[in-house]
PDB file of N, CA and C in Angstrom:
ATOM      1  N   MET A   1     172.753 113.680 111.937  1.00  0.00           N
ATOM      2  CA  MET A   1     173.045 112.492 112.703  1.00  0.00           C
ATOM      3  C   MET A   1     173.233 112.881 114.162  1.00  0.00           C
ATOM      4  N   ALA A   2     172.781 112.044 115.048  1.00  0.00           N
ATOM      5  CA  ALA A   2     172.862 112.328 116.472  1.00  0.00           C
ATOM      6  C   ALA A   2     174.290 112.228 116.966  1.00  0.00           C
ATOM      7  N   SER A   3     174.595 113.073 117.907  1.00  0.00           N
ATOM      8  CA  SER A   3     175.856 112.943 118.595  1.00  0.00           C
ATOM      9  C   SER A   3     175.642 111.905 119.690  1.00  0.00           C
ATOM     10  N   LYS A   4     176.169 110.708 119.504  1.00  0.00           N
ATOM     11  CA  LYS A   4     175.900 109.621 120.440  1.00  0.00           C
ATOM     12  C   LYS A   4     176.406 109.933 121.834  1.00  0.00           C
ATOM     13  N   ASN A   5     177.516 110.633 121.967  1.00  0.00           N
ATOM     14  CA  ASN A   5     177.996 110.996 123.298  1.00  0.00           C
ATOM     15  C   ASN A   5     176.984 111.889 124.007  1.00  0.00           C
ATOM     16  N   LYS A   6     176.439 112.833 123.284  1.00  0.00           N
ATOM     17  CA  LYS A   6     175.431 113.720 123.854  1.00  0.00           C
ATOM     18  C   LYS A   6     174.173 112.927 124.203  1.00  0.00           C
ATOM     19  N   LEU A   7     173.791 112.006 123.334  1.00  0.00           N
ATOM     20  CA  LEU A   7     172.616 111.181 123.573  1.00  0.00           C
ATOM     21  C   LEU A   7     172.804 110.346 124.825  1.00  0.00           C
ATOM     22  N   LYS A   8     173.929 109.645 124.920  1.00  0.00           N
ATOM     23  CA  LYS A   8     174.109 108.734 126.042  1.00  0.00           C
ATOM     24  C   LYS A   8     174.137 109.482 127.372  1.00  0.00           C
ATOM     25  N   GLU A   9     174.753 110.639 127.406  1.00  0.00           N
ATOM     26  CA  GLU A   9     174.793 111.424 128.639  1.00  0.00           C
ATOM     27  C   GLU A   9     173.395 111.865 129.057  1.00  0.00           C
ATOM     28  N   ASN A  10     172.615 112.322 128.108  1.00  0.00           N
ATOM     29  CA  ASN A  10     171.283 112.843 128.430  1.00  0.00           C
ATOM     30  C   ASN A  10     170.277 111.741 128.741  1.00  0.00           C
ATOM     31  N   ILE A  11     170.379 110.612 128.065  1.00  0.00           N
ATOM     32  CA  ILE A  11     169.495 109.483 128.374  1.00  0.00           C
ATOM     33  C   ILE A  11     169.710 109.056 129.822  1.00  0.00           C
ATOM     34  N   LYS A  12     170.960 108.900 130.189  1.00  0.00           N
ATOM     35  CA  LYS A  12     171.290 108.464 131.550  1.00  0.00           C
ATOM     36  C   LYS A  12     170.841 109.498 132.584  1.00  0.00           C
ATOM     37  N   THR A  13     171.050 110.771 132.291  1.00  0.00           N
ATOM     38  CA  THR A  13     170.653 111.842 133.208  1.00  0.00           C
ATOM     39  C   THR A  13     169.141 111.871 133.405  1.00  0.00           C
ATOM     40  N   ILE A  14     168.391 111.795 132.329  1.00  0.00           N
ATOM     41  CA  ILE A  14     166.925 111.812 132.438  1.00  0.00           C
ATOM     42  C   ILE A  14     166.444 110.619 133.252  1.00  0.00           C
ATOM     43  N   ARG A  15     167.007 109.443 132.983  1.00  0.00           N
ATOM     44  CA  ARG A  15     166.604 108.241 133.712  1.00  0.00           C
ATOM     45  C   ARG A  15     166.924 108.387 135.196  1.00  0.00           C
ATOM     46  N   ALA A  16     168.130 108.851 135.501  1.00  0.00           N
ATOM     47  CA  ALA A  16     168.551 109.008 136.900  1.00  0.00           C
ATOM     48  C   ALA A  16     167.728 110.078 137.615  1.00  0.00           C
ATOM     49  N   ASN A  17     167.478 111.197 136.941  1.00  0.00           N
ATOM     50  CA  ASN A  17     166.698 112.275 137.550  1.00  0.00           C
ATOM     51  C   ASN A  17     165.267 111.863 137.865  1.00  0.00           C
ATOM     52  N   ASN A  18     164.773 110.866 137.134  1.00  0.00           N
ATOM     53  CA  ASN A  18     163.414 110.368 137.366  1.00  0.00           C
ATOM     54  C   ASN A  18     163.414 109.093 138.204  1.00  0.00           C
ATOM     55  N   ASP A  19     164.592 108.742 138.727  1.00  0.00           N
ATOM     56  CA  ASP A  19     164.755 107.584 139.608  1.00  0.00           C
ATOM     57  C   ASP A  19     164.133 106.321 139.007  1.00  0.00           C
ATOM     58  N   LEU A  20     164.483 106.062 137.736  1.00  0.00           N
ATOM     59  CA  LEU A  20     163.943 104.908 137.023  1.00  0.00           C
ATOM     60  C   LEU A  20     165.030 103.868 136.775  1.00  0.00           C
ATOM     61  N   THR A  21     164.647 102.608 136.846  1.00  0.00           N
ATOM     62  CA  THR A  21     165.548 101.549 136.426  1.00  0.00           C
ATOM     63  C   THR A  21     165.596 101.573 134.902  1.00  0.00           C
ATOM     64  N   MET A  22     166.559 100.875 134.338  1.00  0.00           N
ATOM     65  CA  MET A  22     166.627 100.794 132.874  1.00  0.00           C
ATOM     66  C   MET A  22     165.356 100.171 132.308  1.00  0.00           C
ATOM     67  N   GLN A  23     164.817  99.161 132.995  1.00  0.00           N
ATOM     68  CA  GLN A  23     163.601  98.517 132.501  1.00  0.00           C
ATOM     69  C   GLN A  23     162.405  99.456 132.569  1.00  0.00           C
ATOM     70  N   GLU A  24     162.267 100.201 133.653  1.00  0.00           N
ATOM     71  CA  GLU A  24     161.158 101.158 133.772  1.00  0.00           C
ATOM     72  C   GLU A  24     161.258 102.229 132.685  1.00  0.00           C
ATOM     73  N   PHE A  25     162.470 102.694 132.432  1.00  0.00           N
ATOM     74  CA  PHE A  25     162.684 103.708 131.400  1.00  0.00           C
ATOM     75  C   PHE A  25     162.358 103.126 130.025  1.00  0.00           C
ATOM     76  N   ALA A  26     162.823 101.905 129.781  1.00  0.00           N
ATOM     77  CA  ALA A  26     162.528 101.232 128.509  1.00  0.00           C
ATOM     78  C   ALA A  26     161.023 101.093 128.324  1.00  0.00           C
ATOM     79  N   ASP A  27     160.327 100.665 129.360  1.00  0.00           N
ATOM     80  CA  ASP A  27     158.869 100.508 129.290  1.00  0.00           C
ATOM     81  C   ASP A  27     158.179 101.839 128.965  1.00  0.00           C
ATOM     82  N   SER A  28     158.659 102.919 129.575  1.00  0.00           N
ATOM     83  CA  SER A  28     158.027 104.227 129.368  1.00  0.00           C
ATOM     84  C   SER A  28     158.180 104.723 127.935  1.00  0.00           C
ATOM     85  N   LEU A  29     159.218 104.233 127.249  1.00  0.00           N
ATOM     86  CA  LEU A  29     159.462 104.665 125.868  1.00  0.00           C
ATOM     87  C   LEU A  29     158.969 103.653 124.842  1.00  0.00           C
ATOM     88  N   GLY A  30     158.416 102.538 125.324  1.00  0.00           N
ATOM     89  CA  GLY A  30     157.868 101.544 124.404  1.00  0.00           C
ATOM     90  C   GLY A  30     158.864 100.492 123.951  1.00  0.00           C
ATOM     91  N   TYR A  31     160.014 100.419 124.606  1.00  0.00           N
ATOM     92  CA  TYR A  31     160.978  99.368 124.303  1.00  0.00           C
ATOM     93  C   TYR A  31     160.663  98.151 125.152  1.00  0.00           C
ATOM     94  N   LYS A  32     160.974  96.965 124.656  1.00  0.00           N
ATOM     95  CA  LYS A  32     160.675  95.728 125.376  1.00  0.00           C
ATOM     96  C   LYS A  32     161.739  95.379 126.406  1.00  0.00           C
ATOM     97  N   SER A  33     162.964  95.813 126.173  1.00  0.00           N
ATOM     98  CA  SER A  33     164.064  95.353 127.002  1.00  0.00           C
ATOM     99  C   SER A  33     164.928  96.499 127.509  1.00  0.00           C
ATOM    100  N   LYS A  34     165.433  96.319 128.716  1.00  0.00           N
ATOM    101  CA  LYS A  34     166.366  97.300 129.289  1.00  0.00           C
ATOM    102  C   LYS A  34     167.684  97.317 128.524  1.00  0.00           C
ATOM    103  N   THR A  35     167.944  96.268 127.756  1.00  0.00           N
ATOM    104  CA  THR A  35     169.175  96.181 126.978  1.00  0.00           C
ATOM    105  C   THR A  35     169.292  97.345 125.998  1.00  0.00           C
ATOM    106  N   THR A  36     168.174  97.746 125.426  1.00  0.00           N
ATOM    107  CA  THR A  36     168.177  98.876 124.489  1.00  0.00           C
ATOM    108  C   THR A  36     168.649 100.143 125.191  1.00  0.00           C
ATOM    109  N   ILE A  37     168.161 100.376 126.404  1.00  0.00           N
ATOM    110  CA  ILE A  37     168.560 101.561 127.166  1.00  0.00           C
ATOM    111  C   ILE A  37     170.033 101.456 127.547  1.00  0.00           C
ATOM    112  N   ALA A  38     170.454 100.276 127.955  1.00  0.00           N
ATOM    113  CA  ALA A  38     171.863 100.070 128.311  1.00  0.00           C
ATOM    114  C   ALA A  38     172.771 100.388 127.122  1.00  0.00           C
ATOM    115  N   LYS A  39     172.357  99.976 125.930  1.00  0.00           N
ATOM    116  CA  LYS A  39     173.157 100.242 124.727  1.00  0.00           C
ATOM    117  C   LYS A  39     173.159 101.732 124.382  1.00  0.00           C
ATOM    118  N   MET A  40     172.045 102.412 124.614  1.00  0.00           N
ATOM    119  CA  MET A  40     172.008 103.858 124.378  1.00  0.00           C
ATOM    120  C   MET A  40     172.937 104.572 125.349  1.00  0.00           C
ATOM    121  N   GLU A  41     172.875 104.179 126.623  1.00  0.00           N
ATOM    122  CA  GLU A  41     173.713 104.820 127.635  1.00  0.00           C
ATOM    123  C   GLU A  41     175.195 104.534 127.402  1.00  0.00           C
ATOM    124  N   ALA A  42     175.495 103.426 126.742  1.00  0.00           N
ATOM    125  CA  ALA A  42     176.881 103.085 126.429  1.00  0.00           C
ATOM    126  C   ALA A  42     177.348 103.724 125.122  1.00  0.00           C
ATOM    127  N   GLY A  43     176.421 104.348 124.398  1.00  0.00           N
ATOM    128  CA  GLY A  43     176.764 104.984 123.137  1.00  0.00           C
ATOM    129  C   GLY A  43     176.811 104.029 121.968  1.00  0.00           C
ATOM    130  N   VAL A  44     176.256 102.837 122.139  1.00  0.00           N
ATOM    131  CA  VAL A  44     176.254 101.831 121.081  1.00  0.00           C
ATOM    132  C   VAL A  44     175.068 102.028 120.145  1.00  0.00           C
ATOM    133  N   ASN A  45     173.900 102.284 120.713  1.00  0.00           N
ATOM    134  CA  ASN A  45     172.668 102.467 119.926  1.00  0.00           C
ATOM    135  C   ASN A  45     172.216 103.919 119.958  1.00  0.00           C
ATOM    136  N   ASP A  46     171.532 104.310 118.909  1.00  0.00           N
ATOM    137  CA  ASP A  46     170.884 105.610 118.836  1.00  0.00           C
ATOM    138  C   ASP A  46     169.423 105.397 119.216  1.00  0.00           C
ATOM    139  N   ILE A  47     168.671 106.451 119.328  1.00  0.00           N
ATOM    140  CA  ILE A  47     167.249 106.364 119.637  1.00  0.00           C
ATOM    141  C   ILE A  47     166.463 106.588 118.353  1.00  0.00           C
ATOM    142  N   THR A  48     165.343 105.890 118.199  1.00  0.00           N
ATOM    143  CA  THR A  48     164.503 106.123 117.018  1.00  0.00           C
ATOM    144  C   THR A  48     163.820 107.473 117.167  1.00  0.00           C
ATOM    145  N   PHE A  49     163.413 108.035 116.052  1.00  0.00           N
ATOM    146  CA  PHE A  49     162.764 109.344 116.083  1.00  0.00           C
ATOM    147  C   PHE A  49     161.466 109.291 116.888  1.00  0.00           C
ATOM    148  N   ASP A  50     160.682 108.224 116.708  1.00  0.00           N
ATOM    149  CA  ASP A  50     159.417 108.092 117.446  1.00  0.00           C
ATOM    150  C   ASP A  50     159.659 108.045 118.956  1.00  0.00           C
ATOM    151  N   GLN A  51     160.677 107.288 119.378  1.00  0.00           N
ATOM    152  CA  GLN A  51     160.979 107.207 120.801  1.00  0.00           C
ATOM    153  C   GLN A  51     161.558 108.522 121.312  1.00  0.00           C
ATOM    154  N   LEU A  52     162.309 109.223 120.464  1.00  0.00           N
ATOM    155  CA  LEU A  52     162.822 110.530 120.859  1.00  0.00           C
ATOM    156  C   LEU A  52     161.673 111.496 121.123  1.00  0.00           C
ATOM    157  N   LEU A  53     160.689 111.497 120.244  1.00  0.00           N
ATOM    158  CA  LEU A  53     159.523 112.366 120.453  1.00  0.00           C
ATOM    159  C   LEU A  53     158.785 111.991 121.732  1.00  0.00           C
ATOM    160  N   LYS A  54     158.656 110.686 121.971  1.00  0.00           N
ATOM    161  CA  LYS A  54     157.982 110.219 123.187  1.00  0.00           C
ATOM    162  C   LYS A  54     158.782 110.644 124.422  1.00  0.00           C
ATOM    163  N   LEU A  55     160.104 110.528 124.366  1.00  0.00           N
ATOM    164  CA  LEU A  55     160.959 110.932 125.479  1.00  0.00           C
ATOM    165  C   LEU A  55     160.818 112.429 125.748  1.00  0.00           C
ATOM    166  N   ILE A  56     160.850 113.216 124.698  1.00  0.00           N
ATOM    167  CA  ILE A  56     160.713 114.668 124.836  1.00  0.00           C
ATOM    168  C   ILE A  56     159.379 115.017 125.477  1.00  0.00           C
ATOM    169  N   ASP A  57     158.320 114.364 125.032  1.00  0.00           N
ATOM    170  CA  ASP A  57     156.983 114.633 125.561  1.00  0.00           C
ATOM    171  C   ASP A  57     156.828 114.125 126.991  1.00  0.00           C
ATOM    172  N   THR A  58     157.253 112.907 127.260  1.00  0.00           N
ATOM    173  CA  THR A  58     157.067 112.287 128.574  1.00  0.00           C
ATOM    174  C   THR A  58     157.900 112.953 129.656  1.00  0.00           C
ATOM    175  N   TYR A  59     159.138 113.298 129.330  1.00  0.00           N
ATOM    176  CA  TYR A  59     160.059 113.821 130.341  1.00  0.00           C
ATOM    177  C   TYR A  59     160.367 115.299 130.162  1.00  0.00           C
ATOM    178  N   ASP A  60     159.588 115.987 129.317  1.00  0.00           N
ATOM    179  CA  ASP A  60     159.744 117.416 129.071  1.00  0.00           C
ATOM    180  C   ASP A  60     161.198 117.766 128.762  1.00  0.00           C
ATOM    181  N   ALA A  61     161.791 116.950 127.904  1.00  0.00           N
ATOM    182  CA  ALA A  61     163.191 117.134 127.516  1.00  0.00           C
ATOM    183  C   ALA A  61     163.289 118.105 126.346  1.00  0.00           C
ATOM    184  N   ASP A  62     164.446 118.671 126.164  1.00  0.00           N
ATOM    185  CA  ASP A  62     164.694 119.615 125.085  1.00  0.00           C
ATOM    186  C   ASP A  62     165.399 118.895 123.934  1.00  0.00           C
ATOM    187  N   PHE A  63     164.839 118.987 122.747  1.00  0.00           N
ATOM    188  CA  PHE A  63     165.414 118.351 121.555  1.00  0.00           C
ATOM    189  C   PHE A  63     166.876 118.733 121.380  1.00  0.00           C
ATOM    190  N   GLY A  64     167.201 119.956 121.689  1.00  0.00           N
ATOM    191  CA  GLY A  64     168.567 120.447 121.539  1.00  0.00           C
ATOM    192  C   GLY A  64     169.567 119.739 122.433  1.00  0.00           C
ATOM    193  N   ASN A  65     169.091 119.038 123.457  1.00  0.00           N
ATOM    194  CA  ASN A  65     169.991 118.288 124.325  1.00  0.00           C
ATOM    195  C   ASN A  65     170.446 116.974 123.702  1.00  0.00           C
ATOM    196  N   PHE A  66     169.848 116.590 122.597  1.00  0.00           N
ATOM    197  CA  PHE A  66     170.160 115.308 121.986  1.00  0.00           C
ATOM    198  C   PHE A  66     170.882 115.432 120.651  1.00  0.00           C
ATOM    199  N   TYR A  67     170.653 116.512 119.954  1.00  0.00           N
ATOM    200  CA  TYR A  67     171.211 116.667 118.611  1.00  0.00           C
ATOM    201  C   TYR A  67     171.880 118.020 118.467  1.00  0.00           C
ATOM    202  N   GLU A  68     172.994 118.018 117.784  1.00  0.00           N
ATOM    203  CA  GLU A  68     173.655 119.266 117.422  1.00  0.00           C
ATOM    204  C   GLU A  68     172.989 119.764 116.139  1.00  0.00           C
ATOM    205  N   PHE A  69     172.583 120.990 116.109  1.00  0.00           N
ATOM    206  CA  PHE A  69     171.868 121.495 114.942  1.00  0.00           C
ATOM    207  C   PHE A  69     172.730 121.488 113.691  1.00  0.00           C
ATOM    208  N   ASP A  70     174.034 121.608 113.852  1.00  0.00           N
ATOM    209  CA  ASP A  70     174.916 121.544 112.689  1.00  0.00           C
ATOM    210  C   ASP A  70     174.906 120.158 112.059  1.00  0.00           C
ATOM    211  N   ASP A  71     174.539 119.137 112.844  1.00  0.00           N
ATOM    212  CA  ASP A  71     174.497 117.764 112.343  1.00  0.00           C
ATOM    213  C   ASP A  71     173.247 117.490 111.517  1.00  0.00           C
ATOM    214  N   LEU A  72     172.254 118.350 111.643  1.00  0.00           N
ATOM    215  CA  LEU A  72     170.995 118.116 110.926  1.00  0.00           C
ATOM    216  C   LEU A  72     171.147 118.571 109.482  1.00  0.00           C
ATOM    217  N   LYS A  73     171.073 117.632 108.573  1.00  0.00           N
ATOM    218  CA  LYS A  73     171.259 117.931 107.156  1.00  0.00           C
ATOM    219  C   LYS A  73     169.927 118.146 106.437  1.00  0.00           C
ATOM    220  N   ALA A  74     168.856 117.673 107.047  1.00  0.00           N
ATOM    221  CA  ALA A  74     167.550 117.784 106.401  1.00  0.00           C
ATOM    222  C   ALA A  74     167.083 119.235 106.389  1.00  0.00           C
ATOM    223  N   LYS A  75     166.359 119.577 105.365  1.00  0.00           N
ATOM    224  CA  LYS A  75     165.796 120.906 105.219  1.00  0.00           C
ATOM    225  C   LYS A  75     164.637 121.064 106.206  1.00  0.00           C
ATOM    226  N   LEU A  76     164.540 122.216 106.845  1.00  0.00           N
ATOM    227  CA  LEU A  76     163.422 122.468 107.736  1.00  0.00           C
ATOM    228  C   LEU A  76     162.145 122.646 106.923  1.00  0.00           C
ATOM    229  N   ILE A  77     161.066 122.101 107.424  1.00  0.00           N
ATOM    230  CA  ILE A  77     159.788 122.100 106.718  1.00  0.00           C
ATOM    231  C   ILE A  77     158.877 123.162 107.317  1.00  0.00           C
ATOM    232  N   LYS A  78     158.252 123.941 106.456  1.00  0.00           N
ATOM    233  CA  LYS A  78     157.332 124.980 106.902  1.00  0.00           C
ATOM    234  C   LYS A  78     156.120 124.335 107.577  1.00  0.00           C
ATOM    235  N   ASP A  79     155.668 124.928 108.679  1.00  0.00           N
ATOM    236  CA  ASP A  79     154.505 124.487 109.450  1.00  0.00           C
ATOM    237  C   ASP A  79     154.711 123.141 110.148  1.00  0.00           C
ATOM    238  N   CYS A  80     155.952 122.753 110.361  1.00  0.00           N
ATOM    239  CA  CYS A  80     156.285 121.551 111.135  1.00  0.00           C
ATOM    240  C   CYS A  80     156.657 122.035 112.534  1.00  0.00           C
ATOM    241  N   ASN A  81     155.993 121.548 113.570  1.00  0.00           N
ATOM    242  CA  ASN A  81     156.243 122.032 114.929  1.00  0.00           C
ATOM    243  C   ASN A  81     157.697 121.860 115.342  1.00  0.00           C
ATOM    244  N   ILE A  82     158.263 120.704 115.048  1.00  0.00           N
ATOM    245  CA  ILE A  82     159.650 120.457 115.416  1.00  0.00           C
ATOM    246  C   ILE A  82     160.581 121.369 114.626  1.00  0.00           C
ATOM    247  N   CYS A  83     160.343 121.485 113.331  1.00  0.00           N
ATOM    248  CA  CYS A  83     161.181 122.352 112.495  1.00  0.00           C
ATOM    249  C   CYS A  83     161.081 123.807 112.941  1.00  0.00           C
ATOM    250  N   ASP A  84     159.895 124.240 113.334  1.00  0.00           N
ATOM    251  CA  ASP A  84     159.713 125.605 113.830  1.00  0.00           C
ATOM    252  C   ASP A  84     160.528 125.831 115.104  1.00  0.00           C
ATOM    253  N   ARG A  85     160.523 124.838 116.002  1.00  0.00           N
ATOM    254  CA  ARG A  85     161.295 124.959 117.240  1.00  0.00           C
ATOM    255  C   ARG A  85     162.793 125.013 116.932  1.00  0.00           C
ATOM    256  N   ILE A  86     163.238 124.185 115.997  1.00  0.00           N
ATOM    257  CA  ILE A  86     164.649 124.179 115.610  1.00  0.00           C
ATOM    258  C   ILE A  86     165.040 125.521 115.026  1.00  0.00           C
ATOM    259  N   ALA A  87     164.198 126.057 114.143  1.00  0.00           N
ATOM    260  CA  ALA A  87     164.480 127.351 113.521  1.00  0.00           C
ATOM    261  C   ALA A  87     164.594 128.459 114.564  1.00  0.00           C
ATOM    262  N   LYS A  88     163.715 128.450 115.563  1.00  0.00           N
ATOM    263  CA  LYS A  88     163.775 129.459 116.612  1.00  0.00           C
ATOM    264  C   LYS A  88     165.059 129.356 117.417  1.00  0.00           C
ATOM    265  N   ILE A  89     165.443 128.136 117.731  1.00  0.00           N
ATOM    266  CA  ILE A  89     166.672 127.934 118.499  1.00  0.00           C
ATOM    267  C   ILE A  89     167.884 128.355 117.689  1.00  0.00           C
ATOM    268  N   LYS A  90     167.894 127.991 116.416  1.00  0.00           N
ATOM    269  CA  LYS A  90     169.028 128.353 115.548  1.00  0.00           C
ATOM    270  C   LYS A  90     169.164 129.859 115.402  1.00  0.00           C
ATOM    271  N   SER A  91     168.050 130.590 115.442  1.00  0.00           N
ATOM    272  CA  SER A  91     168.087 132.031 115.220  1.00  0.00           C
ATOM    273  C   SER A  91     168.535 132.806 116.451  1.00  0.00           C
ATOM    274  N   ASN A  92     168.567 132.159 117.600  1.00  0.00           N
ATOM    275  CA  ASN A  92     168.978 132.850 118.849  1.00  0.00           C
ATOM    276  C   ASN A  92     170.467 132.903 118.982  1.00  0.00           C
TER     277      ASN A  92
END
């Protein structure tokens, strides 16, 4: 499960560092409304996995900035790019 405090801090930082309004940021991630971004920044909403991947790709963000690896309960899958990255980070 995502650490919402970590999520909200990083969402806001990425948006601010890219000088984007909430609506521009929402548009870039495929959301219809800035309200979704406002709720994420307030720690009310989490981000969907698809939008998280899009955010990571679009803004060259690090997955580790959004989730604590101890919170991940799912088993890592062999030959999964994301799982491979998680495994490498965990081993360091």
